[in-house]
């Protein structure tokens, strides 16, 4: 089942702490929590230090392929909140 077939989906986008296997530090990743008529689940998107992008699905998204999660992410990871102003780097 793809993201386009989820009905009445409610999506919450947030930053979450994550730790890669073998890493000695905690990083931040983006997560979408989704509730739809078909079930609930989350997709976490991590941009690794080497530039690679990893997806991890849970709940409704468990077992989805990378391509399916990437497509779902693109369709659902939107925020209606105004973007925060970027502060200049001083120093």
Protein backbone atom coordinates (compact mmCIF):
# COMPACT_ATOMS: atom_id res chain seq x y z
CA UNK A 1 0.00 0.00 0.00
CA UNK A 2 1.49 3.34 -0.99
CA UNK A 3 1.20 6.75 0.63
CA UNK A 4 -1.27 7.84 -2.01
CA UNK A 5 -3.72 5.16 -0.88
CA UNK A 6 -3.72 6.14 2.81
CA UNK A 7 -7.10 7.68 3.60
CA UNK A 8 -7.77 10.39 6.18
CA UNK A 9 -4.06 10.58 6.99
CA UNK A 10 -2.97 12.87 9.82
CA UNK A 11 0.78 13.55 9.76
CA UNK A 12 3.03 15.05 12.44
CA UNK A 13 6.54 16.11 11.37
CA UNK A 14 9.20 16.50 14.08
CA UNK A 15 12.92 16.31 14.82
CA UNK A 16 14.00 13.29 16.87
CA UNK A 17 17.30 12.17 18.43
CA UNK A 18 18.86 9.09 16.78
CA UNK A 19 22.04 7.13 17.09
CA UNK A 20 23.59 5.10 14.28
CA UNK A 21 24.97 1.67 15.12
CA UNK A 22 28.53 2.01 16.28
CA UNK A 23 28.35 5.81 16.53
CA UNK A 24 29.53 7.50 19.69
CA UNK A 25 27.26 10.52 19.31
CA UNK A 26 23.55 11.25 19.03
CA UNK A 27 22.36 12.99 15.89
CA UNK A 28 19.03 14.48 14.89
CA UNK A 29 16.72 13.10 12.22
CA UNK A 30 13.29 13.97 10.88
CA UNK A 31 10.32 11.77 11.69
CA UNK A 32 6.77 11.66 10.44
CA UNK A 33 4.13 10.00 12.59
CA UNK A 34 1.10 9.03 10.52
CA UNK A 35 -2.41 8.01 11.57
CA UNK A 36 -4.74 6.86 8.78
CA UNK A 37 -7.76 4.61 8.35
CA UNK A 38 -5.35 1.83 7.30
CA UNK A 39 -3.28 2.08 10.52
CA UNK A 40 -0.57 4.10 12.25
CA UNK A 41 3.19 4.20 11.81
CA UNK A 42 6.31 6.31 11.56
CA UNK A 43 9.05 6.93 9.04
CA UNK A 44 12.39 8.32 10.23
CA UNK A 45 14.72 10.01 7.72
CA UNK A 46 18.37 10.27 8.71
CA UNK A 47 21.01 12.16 6.76
CA UNK A 48 24.24 10.39 7.76
CA UNK A 49 27.58 12.13 8.17
CA UNK A 50 28.78 10.62 4.88
CA UNK A 51 25.86 12.21 3.03
CA UNK A 52 23.81 9.02 2.67
CA UNK A 53 20.08 9.20 3.43
CA UNK A 54 18.53 6.33 5.40
CA UNK A 55 14.87 5.56 6.07
CA UNK A 56 13.42 3.43 8.87
CA UNK A 57 9.78 2.44 9.00
CA UNK A 58 7.72 1.26 11.99
CA UNK A 59 4.10 0.25 12.44
CA UNK A 60 2.21 0.62 9.15
CA UNK A 61 5.51 1.26 7.32
CA UNK A 62 7.40 -1.75 8.68
CA UNK A 63 8.62 -3.85 5.77
CA UNK A 64 8.22 -1.10 3.19
CA UNK A 65 11.11 -0.79 0.71
CA UNK A 66 13.42 2.21 0.74
CA UNK A 67 11.77 3.44 -2.47
CA UNK A 68 8.27 3.18 -0.96
CA UNK A 69 9.31 5.05 2.20
CA UNK A 70 11.10 7.72 0.17
CA UNK A 71 7.97 8.25 -1.96
CA UNK A 72 5.75 8.35 1.14
CA UNK A 73 8.14 10.82 2.76
CA UNK A 74 8.00 13.07 -0.28
CA UNK A 75 4.21 12.98 -0.29
CA UNK A 76 3.63 13.49 3.44
CA UNK A 77 6.59 15.30 5.05
CA UNK A 78 5.20 18.80 4.91
CA UNK A 79 4.87 21.38 7.62
CA UNK A 80 2.35 24.19 7.69
CA UNK A 81 4.38 25.95 10.36
CA UNK A 82 6.26 29.05 9.21
CA UNK A 83 9.94 28.45 8.72
CA UNK A 84 12.22 29.77 11.40
CA UNK A 85 14.38 32.70 10.33
CA UNK A 86 17.99 31.82 9.63
CA UNK A 87 20.41 33.68 11.85
CA UNK A 88 23.66 34.88 10.34
CA UNK A 89 26.84 33.18 11.54
CA UNK A 90 28.88 35.77 13.33
CA UNK A 91 32.46 35.50 14.34
